[in-house]
Amino acid sequence: MATLRIDNTVRDFDSWKTVFDKFERFRRDHGVRSYRLSRDVPEPNRVTIDLDFDTLSEAETFLGSLWKIWATPQSKAQVIDFRSPRVLDVVVHRAL
């Protein structure tokens, strides 16, 4: 399994979340198996998204598609800062 980790600071969480939700089908159609959305406690407009894929290549391909989305005016209006996205190779995943 692979995880694509995205760490953004957004202008307004609720507005950003509305736009994020519009891409649910896009994520599913491009191999996302599950995701976690987290907010930083002291900075609630800082959002971390972990997108899970079956393979590293699916995660890397999806990242290429995301760069195109992030270049759109709608996306640029929502995100005010971001850290470089990272593809992670999940070596242990355990639900307790």
N, C-alpha and C. Protein backbone atom coordinates (compact mmCIF):
# COMPACT_ATOMS: atom_id res chain seq x y z
N MET A 1 0.85 -1.17 0.00
CA MET A 1 0.00 0.00 0.00
C MET A 1 0.89 1.24 0.00
N ALA A 2 0.37 2.29 -0.59
CA ALA A 2 1.08 3.56 -0.65
C ALA A 2 0.14 4.66 -0.18
N THR A 3 0.73 5.69 0.41
CA THR A 3 -0.04 6.85 0.86
C THR A 3 0.56 8.10 0.25
N LEU A 4 -0.29 8.94 -0.29
CA LEU A 4 0.11 10.26 -0.75
C LEU A 4 -0.30 11.24 0.33
N ARG A 5 0.69 11.90 0.94
CA ARG A 5 0.43 12.84 2.03
C ARG A 5 0.50 14.27 1.48
N ILE A 6 -0.56 15.00 1.74
CA ILE A 6 -0.68 16.39 1.29
C ILE A 6 -0.87 17.25 2.53
N ASP A 7 -0.13 18.35 2.62
CA ASP A 7 -0.17 19.23 3.79
C ASP A 7 -0.35 20.66 3.28
N ASN A 8 -1.57 21.18 3.43
CA ASN A 8 -1.90 22.50 2.92
C ASN A 8 -2.43 23.41 4.02
N THR A 9 -2.22 24.69 3.85
CA THR A 9 -2.91 25.68 4.66
C THR A 9 -3.92 26.34 3.74
N VAL A 10 -5.18 26.32 4.17
CA VAL A 10 -6.26 26.82 3.32
C VAL A 10 -6.80 28.14 3.88
N ARG A 11 -7.42 28.89 3.01
CA ARG A 11 -7.95 30.20 3.41
C ARG A 11 -9.10 30.03 4.42
N ASP A 12 -10.01 29.14 4.12
CA ASP A 12 -11.17 28.90 4.97
C ASP A 12 -11.52 27.42 4.87
N PHE A 13 -11.47 26.70 5.99
CA PHE A 13 -11.65 25.25 5.94
C PHE A 13 -12.99 24.85 5.33
N ASP A 14 -14.07 25.46 5.75
CA ASP A 14 -15.38 25.06 5.26
C ASP A 14 -15.51 25.24 3.75
N SER A 15 -15.02 26.35 3.23
CA SER A 15 -15.05 26.57 1.78
C SER A 15 -14.17 25.56 1.06
N TRP A 16 -12.98 25.34 1.60
CA TRP A 16 -12.07 24.37 1.00
C TRP A 16 -12.68 22.98 0.99
N LYS A 17 -13.32 22.60 2.10
CA LYS A 17 -13.91 21.26 2.22
C LYS A 17 -15.03 21.06 1.18
N THR A 18 -15.79 22.09 0.91
CA THR A 18 -16.83 22.01 -0.12
C THR A 18 -16.22 21.67 -1.47
N VAL A 19 -15.11 22.31 -1.80
CA VAL A 19 -14.42 22.03 -3.07
C VAL A 19 -13.81 20.63 -3.02
N PHE A 20 -13.18 20.26 -1.92
CA PHE A 20 -12.58 18.93 -1.77
C PHE A 20 -13.62 17.84 -2.02
N ASP A 21 -14.81 18.00 -1.46
CA ASP A 21 -15.86 17.01 -1.60
C ASP A 21 -16.31 16.82 -3.05
N LYS A 22 -16.18 17.85 -3.87
CA LYS A 22 -16.58 17.75 -5.28
C LYS A 22 -15.69 16.79 -6.07
N PHE A 23 -14.52 16.45 -5.52
CA PHE A 23 -13.58 15.57 -6.22
C PHE A 23 -13.64 14.13 -5.73
N GLU A 24 -14.70 13.77 -5.03
CA GLU A 24 -14.83 12.41 -4.50
C GLU A 24 -14.78 11.36 -5.62
N ARG A 25 -15.53 11.57 -6.66
CA ARG A 25 -15.53 10.60 -7.77
C ARG A 25 -14.17 10.57 -8.47
N PHE A 26 -13.56 11.73 -8.64
CA PHE A 26 -12.23 11.79 -9.25
C PHE A 26 -11.25 10.93 -8.47
N ARG A 27 -11.28 11.06 -7.14
CA ARG A 27 -10.38 10.26 -6.31
C ARG A 27 -10.66 8.77 -6.50
N ARG A 28 -11.91 8.39 -6.43
CA ARG A 28 -12.28 6.97 -6.58
C ARG A 28 -11.88 6.44 -7.95
N ASP A 29 -12.14 7.22 -9.01
CA ASP A 29 -11.82 6.79 -10.37
C ASP A 29 -10.32 6.72 -10.63
N HIS A 30 -9.51 7.35 -9.80
CA HIS A 30 -8.05 7.37 -9.99
C HIS A 30 -7.31 6.56 -8.93
N GLY A 31 -7.99 5.58 -8.35
CA GLY A 31 -7.31 4.60 -7.52
C GLY A 31 -7.23 4.85 -6.04
N VAL A 32 -7.81 5.94 -5.54
CA VAL A 32 -7.78 6.17 -4.10
C VAL A 32 -8.69 5.15 -3.43
N ARG A 33 -8.13 4.38 -2.50
CA ARG A 33 -8.88 3.33 -1.79
C ARG A 33 -9.54 3.86 -0.52
N SER A 34 -8.88 4.78 0.13
CA SER A 34 -9.42 5.42 1.33
C SER A 34 -8.62 6.69 1.57
N TYR A 35 -9.13 7.54 2.44
CA TYR A 35 -8.36 8.73 2.80
C TYR A 35 -8.71 9.16 4.20
N ARG A 36 -7.77 9.91 4.79
CA ARG A 36 -7.95 10.54 6.09
C ARG A 36 -7.71 12.03 5.92
N LEU A 37 -8.58 12.80 6.52
CA LEU A 37 -8.48 14.25 6.47
C LEU A 37 -8.33 14.73 7.90
N SER A 38 -7.24 15.45 8.17
CA SER A 38 -6.95 15.90 9.53
C SER A 38 -6.72 17.41 9.54
N ARG A 39 -7.10 18.02 10.65
CA ARG A 39 -6.85 19.45 10.85
C ARG A 39 -5.88 19.61 12.01
N ASP A 40 -4.97 20.54 11.86
CA ASP A 40 -4.03 20.86 12.91
C ASP A 40 -4.80 21.56 14.05
N VAL A 41 -4.58 21.15 15.28
CA VAL A 41 -5.35 21.72 16.39
C VAL A 41 -5.04 23.21 16.58
N PRO A 42 -3.77 23.63 16.71
CA PRO A 42 -3.54 25.06 16.91
C PRO A 42 -3.76 25.90 15.64
N GLU A 43 -3.69 25.28 14.47
CA GLU A 43 -3.90 25.98 13.20
C GLU A 43 -4.99 25.24 12.41
N PRO A 44 -6.27 25.45 12.69
CA PRO A 44 -7.32 24.65 12.08
C PRO A 44 -7.45 24.80 10.56
N ASN A 45 -6.81 25.78 9.98
CA ASN A 45 -6.83 25.90 8.52
C ASN A 45 -5.66 25.16 7.86
N ARG A 46 -4.84 24.53 8.67
CA ARG A 46 -3.78 23.66 8.14
C ARG A 46 -4.36 22.24 8.08
N VAL A 47 -4.39 21.70 6.87
CA VAL A 47 -5.07 20.43 6.61
C VAL A 47 -4.06 19.41 6.08
N THR A 48 -4.13 18.20 6.63
CA THR A 48 -3.32 17.10 6.12
C THR A 48 -4.27 16.06 5.54
N ILE A 49 -3.98 15.63 4.32
CA ILE A 49 -4.77 14.61 3.65
C ILE A 49 -3.86 13.44 3.35
N ASP A 50 -4.26 12.26 3.78
CA ASP A 50 -3.55 11.02 3.47
C ASP A 50 -4.44 10.21 2.54
N LEU A 51 -4.01 10.05 1.30
CA LEU A 51 -4.75 9.28 0.29
C LEU A 51 -4.07 7.92 0.13
N ASP A 52 -4.82 6.86 0.29
CA ASP A 52 -4.26 5.51 0.23
C ASP A 52 -4.52 4.86 -1.14
N PHE A 53 -3.48 4.19 -1.65
CA PHE A 53 -3.52 3.51 -2.96
C PHE A 53 -2.99 2.09 -2.79
N ASP A 54 -3.31 1.24 -3.75
CA ASP A 54 -2.79 -0.12 -3.74
C ASP A 54 -1.29 -0.15 -4.04
N THR A 55 -0.83 0.75 -4.92
CA THR A 55 0.57 0.71 -5.36
C THR A 55 1.22 2.09 -5.33
N LEU A 56 2.55 2.08 -5.28
CA LEU A 56 3.30 3.34 -5.36
C LEU A 56 3.07 4.04 -6.69
N SER A 57 3.01 3.28 -7.76
CA SER A 57 2.84 3.91 -9.08
C SER A 57 1.49 4.61 -9.20
N GLU A 58 0.44 4.05 -8.59
CA GLU A 58 -0.86 4.74 -8.61
C GLU A 58 -0.79 6.06 -7.84
N ALA A 59 -0.11 6.06 -6.72
CA ALA A 59 0.03 7.29 -5.93
C ALA A 59 0.82 8.34 -6.70
N GLU A 60 1.88 7.93 -7.34
CA GLU A 60 2.71 8.87 -8.11
C GLU A 60 1.95 9.42 -9.32
N THR A 61 1.19 8.58 -9.98
CA THR A 61 0.39 9.03 -11.12
C THR A 61 -0.67 10.02 -10.66
N PHE A 62 -1.32 9.72 -9.55
CA PHE A 62 -2.34 10.62 -9.01
C PHE A 62 -1.74 11.97 -8.67
N LEU A 63 -0.54 11.97 -8.11
CA LEU A 63 0.12 13.23 -7.77
C LEU A 63 0.30 14.09 -9.02
N GLY A 64 0.65 13.47 -10.14
CA GLY A 64 0.77 14.23 -11.39
C GLY A 64 -0.54 14.90 -11.77
N SER A 65 -1.65 14.21 -11.57
CA SER A 65 -2.96 14.80 -11.86
C SER A 65 -3.28 15.94 -10.90
N LEU A 66 -2.86 15.80 -9.65
CA LEU A 66 -3.13 16.85 -8.67
C LEU A 66 -2.43 18.16 -9.00
N TRP A 67 -1.22 18.08 -9.53
CA TRP A 67 -0.51 19.32 -9.89
C TRP A 67 -1.34 20.13 -10.89
N LYS A 68 -2.02 19.45 -11.80
CA LYS A 68 -2.89 20.15 -12.77
C LYS A 68 -4.07 20.80 -12.07
N ILE A 69 -4.66 20.10 -11.11
CA ILE A 69 -5.79 20.67 -10.38
C ILE A 69 -5.33 21.87 -9.55
N TRP A 70 -4.20 21.72 -8.89
CA TRP A 70 -3.70 22.81 -8.05
C TRP A 70 -3.34 24.06 -8.84
N ALA A 71 -3.14 23.92 -10.13
CA ALA A 71 -2.81 25.07 -10.97
C ALA A 71 -4.05 25.87 -11.38
N THR A 72 -5.25 25.35 -11.10
CA THR A 72 -6.48 26.04 -11.49
C THR A 72 -6.73 27.25 -10.60
N PRO A 73 -7.40 28.27 -11.13
CA PRO A 73 -7.73 29.44 -10.30
C PRO A 73 -8.56 29.08 -9.06
N GLN A 74 -9.48 28.13 -9.19
CA GLN A 74 -10.30 27.74 -8.05
C GLN A 74 -9.45 27.18 -6.92
N SER A 75 -8.49 26.35 -7.26
CA SER A 75 -7.61 25.78 -6.25
C SER A 75 -6.70 26.85 -5.66
N LYS A 76 -6.14 27.68 -6.51
CA LYS A 76 -5.25 28.73 -6.02
C LYS A 76 -5.97 29.68 -5.07
N ALA A 77 -7.28 29.86 -5.25
CA ALA A 77 -8.05 30.73 -4.37
C ALA A 77 -8.26 30.10 -2.99
N GLN A 78 -8.19 28.78 -2.91
CA GLN A 78 -8.44 28.07 -1.66
C GLN A 78 -7.17 27.85 -0.83
N VAL A 79 -6.07 27.53 -1.48
CA VAL A 79 -4.84 27.14 -0.77
C VAL A 79 -3.90 28.35 -0.68
N ILE A 80 -3.50 28.70 0.54
CA ILE A 80 -2.61 29.85 0.69
C ILE A 80 -1.17 29.45 0.94
N ASP A 81 -0.95 28.18 1.32
CA ASP A 81 0.42 27.68 1.52
C ASP A 81 0.37 26.16 1.45
N PHE A 82 1.47 25.57 1.01
CA PHE A 82 1.51 24.11 0.96
C PHE A 82 2.94 23.64 1.15
N ARG A 83 3.05 22.43 1.64
CA ARG A 83 4.34 21.76 1.74
C ARG A 83 4.40 20.75 0.61
N SER A 84 5.55 20.39 0.17
CA SER A 84 5.67 19.45 -0.94
C SER A 84 4.97 18.14 -0.59
N PRO A 85 4.08 17.66 -1.47
CA PRO A 85 3.42 16.38 -1.21
C PRO A 85 4.44 15.25 -1.21
N ARG A 86 4.14 14.20 -0.46
CA ARG A 86 5.08 13.08 -0.33
C ARG A 86 4.35 11.77 -0.57
N VAL A 87 5.00 10.89 -1.32
CA VAL A 87 4.50 9.53 -1.50
C VAL A 87 5.21 8.65 -0.48
N LEU A 88 4.42 7.94 0.32
CA LEU A 88 4.96 7.10 1.38
C LEU A 88 4.68 5.63 1.07
N ASP A 89 5.64 4.79 1.30
CA ASP A 89 5.48 3.34 1.16
C ASP A 89 5.08 2.81 2.52
N VAL A 90 3.83 2.38 2.65
CA VAL A 90 3.31 1.91 3.94
C VAL A 90 3.85 0.50 4.17
N VAL A 91 4.61 0.33 5.24
CA VAL A 91 5.22 -0.98 5.51
C VAL A 91 4.45 -1.76 6.58
N VAL A 92 3.70 -1.05 7.44
CA VAL A 92 2.85 -1.71 8.41
C VAL A 92 1.57 -0.90 8.55
N HIS A 93 0.44 -1.57 8.46
CA HIS A 93 -0.85 -0.94 8.70
C HIS A 93 -1.67 -1.89 9.55
N ARG A 94 -2.02 -1.46 10.73
CA ARG A 94 -2.73 -2.35 11.64
C ARG A 94 -3.87 -1.58 12.29
N ALA A 95 -5.06 -2.13 12.23
CA ALA A 95 -6.20 -1.57 12.95
C ALA A 95 -6.37 -2.37 14.22
N LEU A 96 -6.51 -1.69 15.32
CA LEU A 96 -6.67 -2.36 16.62
C LEU A 96 -8.07 -2.17 17.16
